[in-house]
Amino acid sequence: MIVILFRLLILIAIAFLIYTAYKYIINPRRKLDLAREQKSFYFHDDPSNTKQNFLMTYKGILFEGEKYLGTTENAFEVVNINVSTPDPQGLKGLERNDIYFLEKEILIHYPHAKINWKYPLNRLFIKSVDNENKQPE
């Protein structure tokens, strides 16, 4: 009887280890951290939860987007997104085209949203593109 109970406990322990390993592998936060280390793009979001912020990483920089619900012509949608970064010192080397890429990726997930970039990200938009191409007289 004790041997059968011991075998049952071993089977339960093995099942628990397999379940824990599976949960670790599919964890989206781990995927986000891995993409950040590899300096690739990853978008982590729960689209059904409008109160939860989304996270994305690009070129090793973590960005956080705050979603705000509003109305469109036909439905309630996310209409405003504020994007910031918790580590502004990591923005070195980020270019305006990178911001445009991130904006395009956000708009794929939330097509009705107006995106507001928080400081210091919004400093890339102060100069207009037309002013940079003009020659000094």
N, C-alpha and C. Protein backbone atom coordinates (compact mmCIF):
# COMPACT_ATOMS: atom_id res chain seq x y z
N MET A 1 0.82 -1.20 0.00
CA MET A 1 0.00 0.00 0.00
C MET A 1 0.86 1.26 0.00
N ILE A 2 1.92 1.26 0.77
CA ILE A 2 2.81 2.43 0.84
C ILE A 2 3.53 2.61 -0.50
N VAL A 3 3.89 1.53 -1.16
CA VAL A 3 4.57 1.61 -2.45
C VAL A 3 3.66 2.24 -3.50
N ILE A 4 2.40 1.87 -3.51
CA ILE A 4 1.44 2.45 -4.46
C ILE A 4 1.25 3.94 -4.18
N LEU A 5 1.15 4.31 -2.94
CA LEU A 5 1.02 5.72 -2.57
C LEU A 5 2.27 6.51 -2.97
N PHE A 6 3.43 5.93 -2.78
CA PHE A 6 4.69 6.58 -3.15
C PHE A 6 4.76 6.77 -4.67
N ARG A 7 4.36 5.77 -5.44
CA ARG A 7 4.34 5.88 -6.90
C ARG A 7 3.36 6.95 -7.36
N LEU A 8 2.23 7.02 -6.71
CA LEU A 8 1.25 8.05 -7.03
C LEU A 8 1.80 9.45 -6.76
N LEU A 9 2.51 9.63 -5.66
CA LEU A 9 3.14 10.91 -5.35
C LEU A 9 4.20 11.28 -6.38
N ILE A 10 4.96 10.29 -6.83
CA ILE A 10 5.98 10.55 -7.86
C ILE A 10 5.31 10.97 -9.17
N LEU A 11 4.23 10.32 -9.54
CA LEU A 11 3.50 10.70 -10.76
C LEU A 11 2.93 12.11 -10.66
N ILE A 12 2.40 12.46 -9.50
CA ILE A 12 1.87 13.82 -9.29
C ILE A 12 3.00 14.83 -9.37
N ALA A 13 4.15 14.52 -8.79
CA ALA A 13 5.29 15.44 -8.84
C ALA A 13 5.78 15.62 -10.27
N ILE A 14 5.84 14.56 -11.04
CA ILE A 14 6.28 14.66 -12.45
C ILE A 14 5.27 15.49 -13.25
N ALA A 15 4.00 15.27 -13.04
CA ALA A 15 2.97 16.05 -13.73
C ALA A 15 3.07 17.53 -13.36
N PHE A 16 3.33 17.82 -12.10
CA PHE A 16 3.49 19.21 -11.67
C PHE A 16 4.71 19.86 -12.31
N LEU A 17 5.82 19.14 -12.42
CA LEU A 17 7.02 19.67 -13.06
C LEU A 17 6.79 19.94 -14.55
N ILE A 18 6.08 19.05 -15.22
CA ILE A 18 5.78 19.25 -16.63
C ILE A 18 4.87 20.46 -16.81
N TYR A 19 3.88 20.60 -15.96
CA TYR A 19 2.97 21.75 -16.01
C TYR A 19 3.73 23.06 -15.76
N THR A 20 4.62 23.08 -14.78
CA THR A 20 5.40 24.27 -14.47
C THR A 20 6.31 24.64 -15.64
N ALA A 21 6.95 23.67 -16.25
CA ALA A 21 7.83 23.93 -17.40
C ALA A 21 7.02 24.47 -18.58
N TYR A 22 5.85 23.92 -18.80
CA TYR A 22 4.99 24.39 -19.89
C TYR A 22 4.57 25.84 -19.66
N LYS A 23 4.16 26.16 -18.45
CA LYS A 23 3.75 27.54 -18.13
C LYS A 23 4.92 28.51 -18.29
N TYR A 24 6.12 28.07 -17.93
CA TYR A 24 7.30 28.92 -18.06
C TYR A 24 7.61 29.19 -19.53
N ILE A 25 7.48 28.17 -20.37
CA ILE A 25 7.81 28.32 -21.78
C ILE A 25 6.83 29.24 -22.50
N ILE A 26 5.55 29.16 -22.19
CA ILE A 26 4.56 29.97 -22.90
C ILE A 26 4.31 31.33 -22.25
N ASN A 27 5.01 31.66 -21.18
CA ASN A 27 4.83 32.92 -20.47
C ASN A 27 5.17 34.09 -21.40
N PRO A 28 4.22 35.00 -21.69
CA PRO A 28 4.50 36.11 -22.60
C PRO A 28 5.52 37.10 -22.03
N ARG A 29 5.58 37.23 -20.74
CA ARG A 29 6.57 38.15 -20.16
C ARG A 29 7.99 37.63 -20.41
N ARG A 30 8.17 36.32 -20.37
CA ARG A 30 9.47 35.74 -20.67
C ARG A 30 9.83 35.98 -22.13
N LYS A 31 8.82 35.86 -23.01
CA LYS A 31 9.06 36.13 -24.43
C LYS A 31 9.45 37.60 -24.65
N LEU A 32 8.82 38.49 -23.90
CA LEU A 32 9.15 39.91 -23.99
C LEU A 32 10.59 40.15 -23.54
N ASP A 33 10.98 39.56 -22.43
CA ASP A 33 12.35 39.73 -21.93
C ASP A 33 13.37 39.14 -22.90
N LEU A 34 13.03 38.01 -23.50
CA LEU A 34 13.93 37.38 -24.47
C LEU A 34 14.08 38.25 -25.71
N ALA A 35 12.99 38.83 -26.20
CA ALA A 35 13.05 39.72 -27.36
C ALA A 35 13.84 40.98 -27.03
N ARG A 36 13.73 41.45 -25.81
CA ARG A 36 14.50 42.63 -25.39
C ARG A 36 15.99 42.32 -25.38
N GLU A 37 16.36 41.17 -24.88
CA GLU A 37 17.77 40.78 -24.87
C GLU A 37 18.31 40.60 -26.29
N GLN A 38 17.49 40.09 -27.19
CA GLN A 38 17.90 39.86 -28.57
C GLN A 38 17.76 41.11 -29.44
N LYS A 39 17.24 42.20 -28.85
CA LYS A 39 17.02 43.48 -29.53
C LYS A 39 16.13 43.32 -30.76
N SER A 40 15.07 42.54 -30.60
CA SER A 40 14.10 42.36 -31.68
C SER A 40 12.77 42.96 -31.24
N PHE A 41 11.79 42.95 -32.15
CA PHE A 41 10.49 43.52 -31.85
C PHE A 41 9.57 42.46 -31.27
N TYR A 42 8.83 42.83 -30.22
CA TYR A 42 7.81 41.96 -29.65
C TYR A 42 6.72 42.83 -29.04
N PHE A 43 5.47 42.48 -29.31
CA PHE A 43 4.32 43.23 -28.82
C PHE A 43 3.53 42.33 -27.88
N HIS A 44 3.42 42.73 -26.62
CA HIS A 44 2.70 41.94 -25.62
C HIS A 44 1.48 42.73 -25.16
N ASP A 45 0.30 42.13 -25.39
CA ASP A 45 -0.93 42.84 -25.06
C ASP A 45 -2.05 41.84 -24.82
N ASP A 46 -2.98 42.25 -23.99
CA ASP A 46 -4.23 41.52 -23.81
C ASP A 46 -5.33 42.40 -24.39
N PRO A 47 -5.71 42.17 -25.65
CA PRO A 47 -6.68 43.08 -26.30
C PRO A 47 -8.06 43.08 -25.65
N SER A 48 -8.40 42.04 -24.91
CA SER A 48 -9.71 42.01 -24.28
C SER A 48 -9.76 42.85 -23.01
N ASN A 49 -8.60 43.19 -22.46
CA ASN A 49 -8.54 43.98 -21.23
C ASN A 49 -8.03 45.38 -21.57
N THR A 50 -8.96 46.35 -21.65
CA THR A 50 -8.56 47.70 -22.02
C THR A 50 -7.91 48.47 -20.87
N LYS A 51 -8.00 47.95 -19.67
CA LYS A 51 -7.39 48.63 -18.53
C LYS A 51 -5.91 48.25 -18.35
N GLN A 52 -5.51 47.14 -18.97
CA GLN A 52 -4.13 46.69 -18.83
C GLN A 52 -3.28 47.32 -19.93
N ASN A 53 -2.16 47.91 -19.56
CA ASN A 53 -1.26 48.51 -20.52
C ASN A 53 -0.60 47.43 -21.37
N PHE A 54 -0.21 47.82 -22.59
CA PHE A 54 0.54 46.88 -23.41
C PHE A 54 2.02 47.22 -23.32
N LEU A 55 2.84 46.22 -23.57
CA LEU A 55 4.29 46.39 -23.55
C LEU A 55 4.83 45.96 -24.91
N MET A 56 5.83 46.66 -25.36
CA MET A 56 6.51 46.25 -26.58
C MET A 56 7.99 46.57 -26.43
N THR A 57 8.78 45.81 -27.13
CA THR A 57 10.21 46.04 -27.10
C THR A 57 10.71 46.13 -28.54
N TYR A 58 11.66 47.02 -28.73
CA TYR A 58 12.25 47.22 -30.05
C TYR A 58 13.66 47.73 -29.85
N LYS A 59 14.61 47.09 -30.50
CA LYS A 59 16.03 47.45 -30.39
C LYS A 59 16.50 47.45 -28.95
N GLY A 60 15.96 46.55 -28.13
CA GLY A 60 16.37 46.44 -26.74
C GLY A 60 15.76 47.47 -25.82
N ILE A 61 14.83 48.27 -26.32
CA ILE A 61 14.18 49.32 -25.53
C ILE A 61 12.76 48.88 -25.21
N LEU A 62 12.37 49.02 -23.96
CA LEU A 62 11.02 48.65 -23.53
C LEU A 62 10.12 49.87 -23.62
N PHE A 63 8.95 49.71 -24.22
CA PHE A 63 7.95 50.77 -24.32
C PHE A 63 6.67 50.29 -23.66
N GLU A 64 5.97 51.22 -23.03
CA GLU A 64 4.70 50.90 -22.38
C GLU A 64 3.63 51.82 -22.94
N GLY A 65 2.50 51.23 -23.31
CA GLY A 65 1.39 52.00 -23.86
C GLY A 65 0.18 51.92 -22.96
N GLU A 66 -0.33 53.09 -22.59
CA GLU A 66 -1.56 53.16 -21.79
C GLU A 66 -2.74 53.33 -22.73
N LYS A 67 -3.70 52.44 -22.63
CA LYS A 67 -4.86 52.45 -23.52
C LYS A 67 -6.03 53.18 -22.84
N TYR A 68 -6.73 53.98 -23.62
CA TYR A 68 -7.92 54.67 -23.12
C TYR A 68 -9.08 54.38 -24.05
N LEU A 69 -10.18 53.96 -23.46
CA LEU A 69 -11.37 53.59 -24.21
C LEU A 69 -12.19 54.83 -24.54
N GLY A 70 -12.76 54.82 -25.73
CA GLY A 70 -13.62 55.91 -26.16
C GLY A 70 -14.60 55.40 -27.20
N THR A 71 -15.31 56.34 -27.81
CA THR A 71 -16.32 55.93 -28.79
C THR A 71 -15.85 56.26 -30.19
N THR A 72 -16.19 55.37 -31.11
CA THR A 72 -16.05 55.65 -32.54
C THR A 72 -17.46 55.77 -33.09
N GLU A 73 -17.62 55.76 -34.38
CA GLU A 73 -18.96 55.89 -34.96
C GLU A 73 -19.87 54.74 -34.57
N ASN A 74 -19.31 53.53 -34.48
CA ASN A 74 -20.16 52.37 -34.29
C ASN A 74 -19.98 51.64 -32.97
N ALA A 75 -18.88 51.87 -32.26
CA ALA A 75 -18.62 51.03 -31.09
C ALA A 75 -17.67 51.74 -30.13
N PHE A 76 -17.48 51.11 -28.99
CA PHE A 76 -16.47 51.56 -28.05
C PHE A 76 -15.16 50.89 -28.43
N GLU A 77 -14.14 51.68 -28.63
CA GLU A 77 -12.82 51.19 -29.04
C GLU A 77 -11.75 51.93 -28.25
N VAL A 78 -10.54 51.44 -28.35
CA VAL A 78 -9.40 52.17 -27.80
C VAL A 78 -9.12 53.32 -28.76
N VAL A 79 -9.29 54.56 -28.28
CA VAL A 79 -9.15 55.72 -29.16
C VAL A 79 -7.94 56.58 -28.82
N ASN A 80 -7.31 56.33 -27.68
CA ASN A 80 -6.17 57.13 -27.29
C ASN A 80 -5.13 56.22 -26.63
N ILE A 81 -3.89 56.37 -27.04
CA ILE A 81 -2.80 55.58 -26.46
C ILE A 81 -1.65 56.52 -26.14
N ASN A 82 -1.16 56.46 -24.91
CA ASN A 82 0.02 57.20 -24.49
C ASN A 82 1.18 56.24 -24.37
N VAL A 83 2.24 56.50 -25.12
CA VAL A 83 3.39 55.61 -25.13
C VAL A 83 4.55 56.29 -24.43
N SER A 84 5.17 55.56 -23.51
CA SER A 84 6.33 56.07 -22.79
C SER A 84 7.35 54.95 -22.64
N THR A 85 8.49 55.29 -22.09
CA THR A 85 9.51 54.29 -21.81
C THR A 85 9.97 54.46 -20.37
N PRO A 86 10.12 53.36 -19.65
CA PRO A 86 10.58 53.47 -18.27
C PRO A 86 12.07 53.77 -18.15
N ASP A 87 12.82 53.60 -19.25
CA ASP A 87 14.27 53.83 -19.22
C ASP A 87 14.66 54.79 -20.34
N PRO A 88 14.55 56.11 -20.11
CA PRO A 88 14.88 57.06 -21.18
C PRO A 88 16.35 57.04 -21.60
N GLN A 89 17.25 56.59 -20.72
CA GLN A 89 18.66 56.54 -21.08
C GLN A 89 18.93 55.49 -22.16
N GLY A 90 18.07 54.52 -22.29
CA GLY A 90 18.25 53.48 -23.29
C GLY A 90 17.85 53.89 -24.69
N LEU A 91 17.36 55.11 -24.87
CA LEU A 91 16.88 55.56 -26.18
C LEU A 91 18.00 55.96 -27.13
N LYS A 92 19.23 55.90 -26.69
CA LYS A 92 20.35 56.31 -27.53
C LYS A 92 20.36 55.47 -28.81
N GLY A 93 20.42 56.16 -29.94
CA GLY A 93 20.43 55.49 -31.23
C GLY A 93 19.07 55.30 -31.85
N LEU A 94 18.00 55.62 -31.12
CA LEU A 94 16.66 55.49 -31.68
C LEU A 94 16.41 56.63 -32.66
N GLU A 95 15.87 56.31 -33.81
CA GLU A 95 15.64 57.30 -34.86
C GLU A 95 14.15 57.52 -35.09
N ARG A 96 13.86 58.55 -35.84
CA ARG A 96 12.47 58.89 -36.14
C ARG A 96 11.77 57.75 -36.89
N ASN A 97 12.48 57.09 -37.79
CA ASN A 97 11.88 55.97 -38.53
C ASN A 97 11.52 54.81 -37.60
N ASP A 98 12.26 54.64 -36.52
CA ASP A 98 11.93 53.61 -35.54
C ASP A 98 10.61 53.94 -34.85
N ILE A 99 10.39 55.21 -34.54
CA ILE A 99 9.13 55.65 -33.94
C ILE A 99 7.98 55.41 -34.91
N TYR A 100 8.21 55.70 -36.19
CA TYR A 100 7.17 55.45 -37.20
C TYR A 100 6.84 53.96 -37.30
N PHE A 101 7.87 53.10 -37.22
CA PHE A 101 7.64 51.66 -37.24
C PHE A 101 6.78 51.24 -36.06
N LEU A 102 7.11 51.74 -34.86
CA LEU A 102 6.34 51.39 -33.67
C LEU A 102 4.91 51.89 -33.78
N GLU A 103 4.75 53.08 -34.31
CA GLU A 103 3.41 53.65 -34.49
C GLU A 103 2.59 52.78 -35.45
N LYS A 104 3.21 52.32 -36.52
CA LYS A 104 2.52 51.46 -37.48
C LYS A 104 2.09 50.15 -36.81
N GLU A 105 2.95 49.57 -35.98
CA GLU A 105 2.62 48.32 -35.30
C GLU A 105 1.47 48.51 -34.30
N ILE A 106 1.47 49.64 -33.61
CA ILE A 106 0.37 49.93 -32.68
C ILE A 106 -0.94 50.08 -33.44
N LEU A 107 -0.88 50.78 -34.56
CA LEU A 107 -2.10 51.01 -35.35
C LEU A 107 -2.63 49.72 -35.98
N ILE A 108 -1.79 48.72 -36.15
CA ILE A 108 -2.27 47.42 -36.64
C ILE A 108 -3.20 46.81 -35.59
N HIS A 109 -2.84 46.94 -34.32
CA HIS A 109 -3.65 46.38 -33.24
C HIS A 109 -4.83 47.28 -32.85
N TYR A 110 -4.63 48.59 -32.94
CA TYR A 110 -5.67 49.55 -32.55
C TYR A 110 -5.81 50.61 -33.64
N PRO A 111 -6.57 50.30 -34.70
CA PRO A 111 -6.64 51.20 -35.86
C PRO A 111 -7.33 52.54 -35.60
N HIS A 112 -8.14 52.64 -34.56
CA HIS A 112 -8.86 53.89 -34.30
C HIS A 112 -8.12 54.78 -33.30
N ALA A 113 -6.95 54.39 -32.87
CA ALA A 113 -6.26 55.08 -31.80
C ALA A 113 -5.45 56.27 -32.29
N LYS A 114 -5.42 57.30 -31.45
CA LYS A 114 -4.53 58.43 -31.64
C LYS A 114 -3.37 58.20 -30.67
N ILE A 115 -2.16 58.23 -31.18
CA ILE A 115 -0.99 57.88 -30.37
C ILE A 115 -0.30 59.15 -29.91
N ASN A 116 -0.11 59.26 -28.60
CA ASN A 116 0.62 60.37 -27.99
C ASN A 116 1.92 59.82 -27.42
N TRP A 117 3.03 60.40 -27.85
CA TRP A 117 4.34 59.96 -27.36
C TRP A 117 4.74 60.87 -26.20
N LYS A 118 5.10 60.27 -25.10
CA LYS A 118 5.49 61.02 -23.91
C LYS A 118 6.96 61.39 -23.98
N TYR A 119 7.34 62.38 -23.18
CA TYR A 119 8.72 62.84 -23.14
C TYR A 119 9.63 61.71 -22.71
N PRO A 120 10.74 61.51 -23.28
CA PRO A 120 11.47 62.26 -24.31
C PRO A 120 11.20 61.78 -25.73
N LEU A 121 10.30 60.83 -25.91
CA LEU A 121 10.03 60.31 -27.26
C LEU A 121 9.43 61.37 -28.17
N ASN A 122 8.64 62.27 -27.62
CA ASN A 122 7.99 63.29 -28.45
C ASN A 122 8.97 64.34 -28.95
N ARG A 123 10.19 64.38 -28.43
CA ARG A 123 11.18 65.35 -28.88
C ARG A 123 11.64 65.06 -30.30
N LEU A 124 11.47 63.87 -30.80
CA LEU A 124 11.84 63.56 -32.18
C LEU A 124 10.88 64.21 -33.18
N PHE A 125 9.71 64.63 -32.72
CA PHE A 125 8.71 65.19 -33.63
C PHE A 125 8.70 66.71 -33.65
N ILE A 126 9.59 67.35 -32.88
CA ILE A 126 9.57 68.81 -32.81
C ILE A 126 9.93 69.43 -34.15
N LYS A 127 10.99 68.95 -34.77
CA LYS A 127 11.37 69.45 -36.09
C LYS A 127 10.53 68.74 -37.13
N SER A 128 9.98 69.51 -38.05
CA SER A 128 9.23 68.85 -39.10
C SER A 128 10.20 68.29 -40.13
N VAL A 129 9.78 67.31 -40.86
CA VAL A 129 10.64 66.67 -41.86
C VAL A 129 10.98 67.66 -42.96
N ASP A 130 10.05 68.57 -43.32
CA ASP A 130 10.30 69.55 -44.38
C ASP A 130 11.42 70.51 -43.98
N ASN A 131 11.48 70.93 -42.73
CA ASN A 131 12.50 71.87 -42.28
C ASN A 131 13.89 71.28 -42.32
N GLU A 132 14.01 69.98 -42.16
CA GLU A 132 15.33 69.36 -42.18
C GLU A 132 15.91 69.32 -43.59
N ASN A 133 15.07 69.29 -44.60
CA ASN A 133 15.54 69.17 -45.97
C ASN A 133 15.85 70.52 -46.62
N LYS A 134 15.48 71.63 -45.98
CA LYS A 134 15.75 72.95 -46.56
C LYS A 134 17.22 73.31 -46.39
N GLN A 135 17.75 73.95 -47.44
CA GLN A 135 19.13 74.41 -47.39
C GLN A 135 19.19 75.79 -46.78
N PRO A 136 20.19 76.06 -45.92
CA PRO A 136 20.31 77.42 -45.37
C PRO A 136 20.70 78.40 -46.46
N GLU A 137 20.18 79.62 -46.34
CA GLU A 137 20.44 80.64 -47.36
C GLU A 137 21.63 81.48 -47.01
